[in-house]
């Protein structure tokens, strides 16, 4: 990655992966997507959403099926089901090992530095003190009720790629724009700040004497 900070690299992977699943399922005419999220994953997501105060995601992260017709605020175009919701990660690994099943066991290189990585470490520490912590967190998340008065994001269609989004331009398009303009970190931040920075970037690039992109290109040519 073109910048040193790795704490939010999972943003790119998550955004593009979710959209790829939806687009691939649509091409195959699939009516549901079964994911391998286990109890450890669900507990991590619940705790992440609580700490971030993310009301919109807090409700659906505990549901076994999300994105159905009754879920008006779900961003996915195709319903997802999580059949392994109450299965521990270690149980799944032991089963795969016992049955000699092939499974992907390599951990992402950036996960220890990601926000989820910190939450995972915290939950593992809790497990040492209270072995039932993971299931306890899941049950607690299921009992949390979002008030009807809470303001939820309205789903719309992305102006660029026509993918469903809660913003005029979806997150994937914002990330791609940031990458193309050489400022990938901006696509991770808040949308309003991102737009302002993009406007500054466009104004800068309109004046070649100020444009950093043009200066970098000239420097490369001189070296060649």
C-alpha atoms as a PDB file:
ATOM      1  CA  UNK A   1       0.000   0.000   0.000  1.00  0.00           C
ATOM      2  CA  UNK A   2       1.249   3.513  -0.846  1.00  0.00           C
ATOM      3  CA  UNK A   3       1.074   4.783   2.734  1.00  0.00           C
ATOM      4  CA  UNK A   4       2.544   3.575   5.981  1.00  0.00           C
ATOM      5  CA  UNK A   5      -0.553   3.346   8.143  1.00  0.00           C
ATOM      6  CA  UNK A   6      -2.042  -0.160   7.957  1.00  0.00           C
ATOM      7  CA  UNK A   7      -4.770   0.144  10.584  1.00  0.00           C
ATOM      8  CA  UNK A   8      -7.528   0.582   7.983  1.00  0.00           C
ATOM      9  CA  UNK A   9      -6.337  -1.556   5.094  1.00  0.00           C
ATOM     10  CA  UNK A  10      -9.231  -3.954   5.730  1.00  0.00           C
ATOM     11  CA  UNK A  11     -11.599  -1.243   4.482  1.00  0.00           C
ATOM     12  CA  UNK A  12     -10.535  -1.838   0.878  1.00  0.00           C
ATOM     13  CA  UNK A  13     -10.795  -5.618   1.180  1.00  0.00           C
ATOM     14  CA  UNK A  14     -14.197  -5.545   2.897  1.00  0.00           C
ATOM     15  CA  UNK A  15     -15.854  -3.048   0.544  1.00  0.00           C
ATOM     16  CA  UNK A  16     -14.676  -4.717  -2.675  1.00  0.00           C
ATOM     17  CA  UNK A  17     -15.282  -8.255  -1.373  1.00  0.00           C
ATOM     18  CA  UNK A  18     -18.899  -7.565  -0.378  1.00  0.00           C
ATOM     19  CA  UNK A  19     -19.669  -5.915  -3.688  1.00  0.00           C
ATOM     20  CA  UNK A  20     -17.949  -8.735  -5.610  1.00  0.00           C
ATOM     21  CA  UNK A  21     -20.104 -11.306  -3.788  1.00  0.00           C
ATOM     22  CA  UNK A  22     -23.277  -9.427  -4.715  1.00  0.00           C
ATOM     23  CA  UNK A  23     -22.307  -8.926  -8.349  1.00  0.00           C
ATOM     24  CA  UNK A  24     -21.147 -12.531  -8.743  1.00  0.00           C
ATOM     25  CA  UNK A  25     -24.338 -13.878  -7.153  1.00  0.00           C
ATOM     26  CA  UNK A  26     -26.461 -11.720  -9.459  1.00  0.00           C
ATOM     27  CA  UNK A  27     -24.684 -13.097 -12.527  1.00  0.00           C
ATOM     28  CA  UNK A  28     -25.281 -16.651 -11.317  1.00  0.00           C
ATOM     29  CA  UNK A  29     -28.934 -15.868 -10.450  1.00  0.00           C
ATOM     30  CA  UNK A  30     -28.333 -16.848  -6.815  1.00  0.00           C
ATOM     31  CA  UNK A  31     -31.136 -15.919  -4.403  1.00  0.00           C
ATOM     32  CA  UNK A  32     -29.102 -16.249  -1.172  1.00  0.00           C
ATOM     33  CA  UNK A  33     -25.440 -16.114  -0.161  1.00  0.00           C
ATOM     34  CA  UNK A  34     -24.266 -18.433   2.632  1.00  0.00           C
ATOM     35  CA  UNK A  35     -21.211 -17.036   4.399  1.00  0.00           C
ATOM     36  CA  UNK A  36     -18.781 -18.726   6.774  1.00  0.00           C
ATOM     37  CA  UNK A  37     -19.122 -16.233   9.624  1.00  0.00           C
ATOM     38  CA  UNK A  38     -18.676 -18.076  12.919  1.00  0.00           C
ATOM     39  CA  UNK A  39     -19.375 -17.174  16.548  1.00  0.00           C
ATOM     40  CA  UNK A  40     -15.985 -15.493  16.927  1.00  0.00           C
ATOM     41  CA  UNK A  41     -16.679 -13.272  13.896  1.00  0.00           C
ATOM     42  CA  UNK A  42     -20.156 -12.322  15.122  1.00  0.00           C
ATOM     43  CA  UNK A  43     -18.928 -11.436  18.622  1.00  0.00           C
ATOM     44  CA  UNK A  44     -16.157  -9.270  17.147  1.00  0.00           C
ATOM     45  CA  UNK A  45     -18.601  -7.453  14.871  1.00  0.00           C
ATOM     46  CA  UNK A  46     -21.084  -6.813  17.699  1.00  0.00           C
ATOM     47  CA  UNK A  47     -18.385  -5.339  19.926  1.00  0.00           C
ATOM     48  CA  UNK A  48     -16.992  -3.245  17.052  1.00  0.00           C
ATOM     49  CA  UNK A  49     -20.405  -1.766  16.280  1.00  0.00           C
ATOM     50  CA  UNK A  50     -21.091  -1.034  19.962  1.00  0.00           C
ATOM     51  CA  UNK A  51     -17.782   0.781  20.385  1.00  0.00           C
ATOM     52  CA  UNK A  52     -18.343   2.757  17.173  1.00  0.00           C
ATOM     53  CA  UNK A  53     -21.970   3.511  18.044  1.00  0.00           C
ATOM     54  CA  UNK A  54     -23.015   2.106  14.663  1.00  0.00           C
ATOM     55  CA  UNK A  55     -26.770   1.665  15.148  1.00  0.00           C
ATOM     56  CA  UNK A  56     -27.417   0.828  11.499  1.00  0.00           C
ATOM     57  CA  UNK A  57     -25.219  -2.285  11.589  1.00  0.00           C
ATOM     58  CA  UNK A  58     -25.825  -3.317  15.194  1.00  0.00           C
ATOM     59  CA  UNK A  59     -29.222  -4.906  14.477  1.00  0.00           C
ATOM     60  CA  UNK A  60     -28.348  -6.907  11.381  1.00  0.00           C
ATOM     61  CA  UNK A  61     -24.958  -8.148  12.608  1.00  0.00           C
ATOM     62  CA  UNK A  62     -26.757 -10.502  15.033  1.00  0.00           C
ATOM     63  CA  UNK A  63     -29.317 -11.824  12.526  1.00  0.00           C
ATOM     64  CA  UNK A  64     -28.776 -15.213  10.884  1.00  0.00           C
ATOM     65  CA  UNK A  65     -30.458 -13.935   7.712  1.00  0.00           C
ATOM     66  CA  UNK A  66     -29.948 -10.356   6.551  1.00  0.00           C
ATOM     67  CA  UNK A  67     -31.032  -8.453   3.494  1.00  0.00           C
ATOM     68  CA  UNK A  68     -34.493 -10.002   3.172  1.00  0.00           C
ATOM     69  CA  UNK A  69     -37.586  -8.000   2.237  1.00  0.00           C
ATOM     70  CA  UNK A  70     -38.343  -7.173   5.880  1.00  0.00           C
ATOM     71  CA  UNK A  71     -34.960  -5.461   6.310  1.00  0.00           C
ATOM     72  CA  UNK A  72     -35.433  -2.108   4.627  1.00  0.00           C
ATOM     73  CA  UNK A  73     -32.059  -0.753   5.747  1.00  0.00           C
ATOM     74  CA  UNK A  74     -29.902  -3.634   4.509  1.00  0.00           C
ATOM     75  CA  UNK A  75     -27.403  -2.470   1.895  1.00  0.00           C
ATOM     76  CA  UNK A  76     -26.906  -5.851   0.246  1.00  0.00           C
ATOM     77  CA  UNK A  77     -28.972  -6.602  -2.844  1.00  0.00           C
ATOM     78  CA  UNK A  78     -29.006 -10.345  -2.126  1.00  0.00           C
ATOM     79  CA  UNK A  79     -29.931 -11.880   1.275  1.00  0.00           C
ATOM     80  CA  UNK A  80     -27.104 -13.428   3.267  1.00  0.00           C
ATOM     81  CA  UNK A  81     -27.371 -16.303   5.743  1.00  0.00           C
ATOM     82  CA  UNK A  82     -24.863 -17.281   8.437  1.00  0.00           C
ATOM     83  CA  UNK A  83     -25.432 -20.967   9.309  1.00  0.00           C
ATOM     84  CA  UNK A  84     -22.269 -21.122  11.461  1.00  0.00           C
ATOM     85  CA  UNK A  85     -23.297 -18.228  13.699  1.00  0.00           C
ATOM     86  CA  UNK A  86     -23.119 -20.234  16.954  1.00  0.00           C
ATOM     87  CA  UNK A  87     -20.132 -22.413  15.985  1.00  0.00           C
ATOM     88  CA  UNK A  88     -16.762 -21.500  17.478  1.00  0.00           C
ATOM     89  CA  UNK A  89     -13.879 -20.953  15.083  1.00  0.00           C
ATOM     90  CA  UNK A  90     -11.783 -23.606  16.830  1.00  0.00           C
ATOM     91  CA  UNK A  91     -14.630 -26.138  16.485  1.00  0.00           C
ATOM     92  CA  UNK A  92     -14.826 -25.527  12.736  1.00  0.00           C
ATOM     93  CA  UNK A  93     -11.055 -25.929  12.366  1.00  0.00           C
ATOM     94  CA  UNK A  94     -11.076 -29.165  14.399  1.00  0.00           C
ATOM     95  CA  UNK A  95     -13.951 -30.550  12.292  1.00  0.00           C
ATOM     96  CA  UNK A  96     -12.166 -29.671   9.040  1.00  0.00           C
ATOM     97  CA  UNK A  97      -8.965 -31.269  10.342  1.00  0.00           C
ATOM     98  CA  UNK A  98     -10.790 -34.426  11.503  1.00  0.00           C
ATOM     99  CA  UNK A  99     -12.625 -34.773   8.167  1.00  0.00           C
ATOM    100  CA  UNK A 100      -9.452 -33.883   6.242  1.00  0.00           C
ATOM    101  CA  UNK A 101     -11.194 -31.030   4.493  1.00  0.00           C
ATOM    102  CA  UNK A 102      -9.267 -28.365   2.630  1.00  0.00           C
ATOM    103  CA  UNK A 103      -9.687 -24.943   4.208  1.00  0.00           C
ATOM    104  CA  UNK A 104      -7.926 -21.588   3.999  1.00  0.00           C
ATOM    105  CA  UNK A 105      -5.994 -21.168   7.237  1.00  0.00           C
ATOM    106  CA  UNK A 106      -3.608 -18.313   6.349  1.00  0.00           C
ATOM    107  CA  UNK A 107      -4.382 -15.113   8.234  1.00  0.00           C
ATOM    108  CA  UNK A 108      -4.304 -11.768   6.443  1.00  0.00           C
ATOM    109  CA  UNK A 109      -0.958 -10.010   6.968  1.00  0.00           C
ATOM    110  CA  UNK A 110      -2.721  -6.768   7.882  1.00  0.00           C
ATOM    111  CA  UNK A 111      -5.318  -8.194  10.294  1.00  0.00           C
ATOM    112  CA  UNK A 112      -3.233  -7.752  13.493  1.00  0.00           C
ATOM    113  CA  UNK A 113      -3.066  -3.990  12.839  1.00  0.00           C
ATOM    114  CA  UNK A 114      -6.716  -3.674  11.836  1.00  0.00           C
ATOM    115  CA  UNK A 115      -9.469  -2.482  14.174  1.00  0.00           C
ATOM    116  CA  UNK A 116     -10.995  -5.967  14.138  1.00  0.00           C
ATOM    117  CA  UNK A 117      -7.612  -7.424  15.082  1.00  0.00           C
ATOM    118  CA  UNK A 118      -7.536  -5.352  18.262  1.00  0.00           C
ATOM    119  CA  UNK A 119     -11.096  -6.405  19.111  1.00  0.00           C
ATOM    120  CA  UNK A 120     -10.193 -10.054  18.487  1.00  0.00           C
ATOM    121  CA  UNK A 121      -7.272  -9.825  20.897  1.00  0.00           C
ATOM    122  CA  UNK A 122      -9.501  -8.214  23.519  1.00  0.00           C
ATOM    123  CA  UNK A 123     -12.134 -10.967  23.205  1.00  0.00           C
ATOM    124  CA  UNK A 124      -9.469 -13.682  23.470  1.00  0.00           C
ATOM    125  CA  UNK A 125      -8.284 -12.070  26.701  1.00  0.00           C
ATOM    126  CA  UNK A 126     -11.882 -12.093  27.968  1.00  0.00           C
ATOM    127  CA  UNK A 127     -12.200 -15.781  27.070  1.00  0.00           C
ATOM    128  CA  UNK A 128      -9.313 -16.643  29.367  1.00  0.00           C
ATOM    129  CA  UNK A 129     -11.222 -15.116  32.267  1.00  0.00           C
ATOM    130  CA  UNK A 130     -14.684 -16.237  31.146  1.00  0.00           C
ATOM    131  CA  UNK A 131     -14.786 -19.091  28.575  1.00  0.00           C
ATOM    132  CA  UNK A 132     -18.379 -18.274  27.579  1.00  0.00           C
ATOM    133  CA  UNK A 133     -17.559 -14.656  26.625  1.00  0.00           C
ATOM    134  CA  UNK A 134     -18.124 -15.114  22.874  1.00  0.00           C
ATOM    135  CA  UNK A 135     -21.608 -16.606  23.210  1.00  0.00           C
ATOM    136  CA  UNK A 136     -22.433 -14.123  25.981  1.00  0.00           C
ATOM    137  CA  UNK A 137     -21.588 -11.205  23.677  1.00  0.00           C
ATOM    138  CA  UNK A 138     -23.751 -12.683  20.908  1.00  0.00           C
ATOM    139  CA  UNK A 139     -26.733 -13.169  23.232  1.00  0.00           C
ATOM    140  CA  UNK A 140     -26.287  -9.640  24.587  1.00  0.00           C
ATOM    141  CA  UNK A 141     -26.238  -8.271  21.040  1.00  0.00           C
ATOM    142  CA  UNK A 142     -29.440 -10.139  20.226  1.00  0.00           C
ATOM    143  CA  UNK A 143     -31.176  -8.505  23.190  1.00  0.00           C
ATOM    144  CA  UNK A 144     -30.257  -4.972  22.139  1.00  0.00           C
ATOM    145  CA  UNK A 145     -33.272  -3.231  20.595  1.00  0.00           C
ATOM    146  CA  UNK A 146     -32.850  -0.280  18.245  1.00  0.00           C
ATOM    147  CA  UNK A 147     -35.436   2.427  18.874  1.00  0.00           C
ATOM    148  CA  UNK A 148     -37.767   3.187  15.980  1.00  0.00           C
ATOM    149  CA  UNK A 149     -36.917   6.878  16.378  1.00  0.00           C
ATOM    150  CA  UNK A 150     -33.251   6.213  15.562  1.00  0.00           C
ATOM    151  CA  UNK A 151     -32.255   7.743  12.244  1.00  0.00           C
ATOM    152  CA  UNK A 152     -31.264   4.993   9.833  1.00  0.00           C
ATOM    153  CA  UNK A 153     -29.488   5.511   6.477  1.00  0.00           C
ATOM    154  CA  UNK A 154     -31.763   5.559   3.429  1.00  0.00           C
ATOM    155  CA  UNK A 155     -30.723   3.172   0.680  1.00  0.00           C
ATOM    156  CA  UNK A 156     -30.312   4.555  -2.827  1.00  0.00           C
ATOM    157  CA  UNK A 157     -28.395   3.764  -6.009  1.00  0.00           C
ATOM    158  CA  UNK A 158     -24.822   4.866  -6.657  1.00  0.00           C
ATOM    159  CA  UNK A 159     -24.662   7.607  -9.295  1.00  0.00           C
ATOM    160  CA  UNK A 160     -21.624   6.000 -10.908  1.00  0.00           C
ATOM    161  CA  UNK A 161     -21.933   2.216 -10.823  1.00  0.00           C
ATOM    162  CA  UNK A 162     -25.665   1.781  -9.986  1.00  0.00           C
ATOM    163  CA  UNK A 163     -24.808  -0.369  -6.949  1.00  0.00           C
ATOM    164  CA  UNK A 164     -26.978   0.077  -3.850  1.00  0.00           C
ATOM    165  CA  UNK A 165     -25.559   2.608  -1.402  1.00  0.00           C
ATOM    166  CA  UNK A 166     -26.565   4.854   1.492  1.00  0.00           C
ATOM    167  CA  UNK A 167     -24.635   7.694  -0.164  1.00  0.00           C
ATOM    168  CA  UNK A 168     -24.898   9.337  -3.618  1.00  0.00           C
ATOM    169  CA  UNK A 169     -21.600   7.618  -4.508  1.00  0.00           C
ATOM    170  CA  UNK A 170     -20.889   4.164  -3.064  1.00  0.00           C
ATOM    171  CA  UNK A 171     -17.827   3.430  -0.940  1.00  0.00           C
ATOM    172  CA  UNK A 172     -16.199   1.301  -3.634  1.00  0.00           C
ATOM    173  CA  UNK A 173     -16.303   4.155  -6.152  1.00  0.00           C
ATOM    174  CA  UNK A 174     -14.884   6.569  -3.557  1.00  0.00           C
ATOM    175  CA  UNK A 175     -12.019   4.195  -2.806  1.00  0.00           C
ATOM    176  CA  UNK A 176     -11.275   3.702  -6.506  1.00  0.00           C
ATOM    177  CA  UNK A 177     -11.290   7.457  -7.089  1.00  0.00           C
ATOM    178  CA  UNK A 178      -8.875   7.941  -4.200  1.00  0.00           C
ATOM    179  CA  UNK A 179      -6.549   5.274  -5.612  1.00  0.00           C
ATOM    180  CA  UNK A 180      -6.662   6.761  -9.111  1.00  0.00           C
ATOM    181  CA  UNK A 181      -5.823  10.219  -7.776  1.00  0.00           C
ATOM    182  CA  UNK A 182      -2.983   8.984  -5.615  1.00  0.00           C
ATOM    183  CA  UNK A 183      -4.695   9.719  -2.293  1.00  0.00           C
ATOM    184  CA  UNK A 184      -6.037   6.289  -1.200  1.00  0.00           C
ATOM    185  CA  UNK A 185      -6.243   7.195   2.480  1.00  0.00           C
ATOM    186  CA  UNK A 186      -8.925   9.819   1.818  1.00  0.00           C
ATOM    187  CA  UNK A 187     -11.407   7.217   0.621  1.00  0.00           C
ATOM    188  CA  UNK A 188     -11.406   5.630   4.069  1.00  0.00           C
ATOM    189  CA  UNK A 189     -12.447   8.767   5.950  1.00  0.00           C
ATOM    190  CA  UNK A 190     -15.808  10.451   6.252  1.00  0.00           C
ATOM    191  CA  UNK A 191     -17.580  11.256   2.990  1.00  0.00           C
ATOM    192  CA  UNK A 192     -17.862  15.014   3.565  1.00  0.00           C
ATOM    193  CA  UNK A 193     -14.166  15.370   4.351  1.00  0.00           C
ATOM    194  CA  UNK A 194     -13.375  13.186   1.362  1.00  0.00           C
ATOM    195  CA  UNK A 195     -15.356  15.418  -1.004  1.00  0.00           C
ATOM    196  CA  UNK A 196     -13.595  18.559   0.240  1.00  0.00           C
ATOM    197  CA  UNK A 197     -10.186  16.962  -0.195  1.00  0.00           C
ATOM    198  CA  UNK A 198     -11.110  15.779  -3.688  1.00  0.00           C
ATOM    199  CA  UNK A 199     -12.169  19.306  -4.622  1.00  0.00           C
ATOM    200  CA  UNK A 200      -8.807  20.614  -3.406  1.00  0.00           C
ATOM    201  CA  UNK A 201      -7.083  17.885  -5.403  1.00  0.00           C
ATOM    202  CA  UNK A 202      -8.998  18.817  -8.561  1.00  0.00           C
ATOM    203  CA  UNK A 203      -8.203  22.519  -8.112  1.00  0.00           C
ATOM    204  CA  UNK A 204      -4.553  21.705  -7.532  1.00  0.00           C
ATOM    205  CA  UNK A 205      -4.348  19.492 -10.624  1.00  0.00           C
ATOM    206  CA  UNK A 206      -5.976  22.202 -12.759  1.00  0.00           C
ATOM    207  CA  UNK A 207      -2.889  24.358 -12.124  1.00  0.00           C
ATOM    208  CA  UNK A 208       0.186  22.430 -13.320  1.00  0.00           C
ATOM    209  CA  UNK A 209       2.517  24.745 -11.375  1.00  0.00           C
ATOM    210  CA  UNK A 210       0.914  23.573  -8.112  1.00  0.00           C
ATOM    211  CA  UNK A 211       0.014  19.994  -9.024  1.00  0.00           C
ATOM    212  CA  UNK A 212       1.998  17.465  -6.995  1.00  0.00           C
ATOM    213  CA  UNK A 213       0.983  14.681  -9.385  1.00  0.00           C
ATOM    214  CA  UNK A 214       2.537  16.546 -12.333  1.00  0.00           C
ATOM    215  CA  UNK A 215       5.700  17.284 -10.330  1.00  0.00           C
ATOM    216  CA  UNK A 216       6.087  13.601  -9.474  1.00  0.00           C
ATOM    217  CA  UNK A 217       5.669  12.614 -13.132  1.00  0.00           C
ATOM    218  CA  UNK A 218       8.298  15.154 -14.224  1.00  0.00           C
ATOM    219  CA  UNK A 219      10.685  13.897 -11.535  1.00  0.00           C
ATOM    220  CA  UNK A 220      10.285  10.316 -12.758  1.00  0.00           C
ATOM    221  CA  UNK A 221      10.914  11.363 -16.371  1.00  0.00           C
ATOM    222  CA  UNK A 222      14.072  13.264 -15.378  1.00  0.00           C
ATOM    223  CA  UNK A 223      15.393  10.182 -13.563  1.00  0.00           C
ATOM    224  CA  UNK A 224      14.681   8.008 -16.616  1.00  0.00           C
END
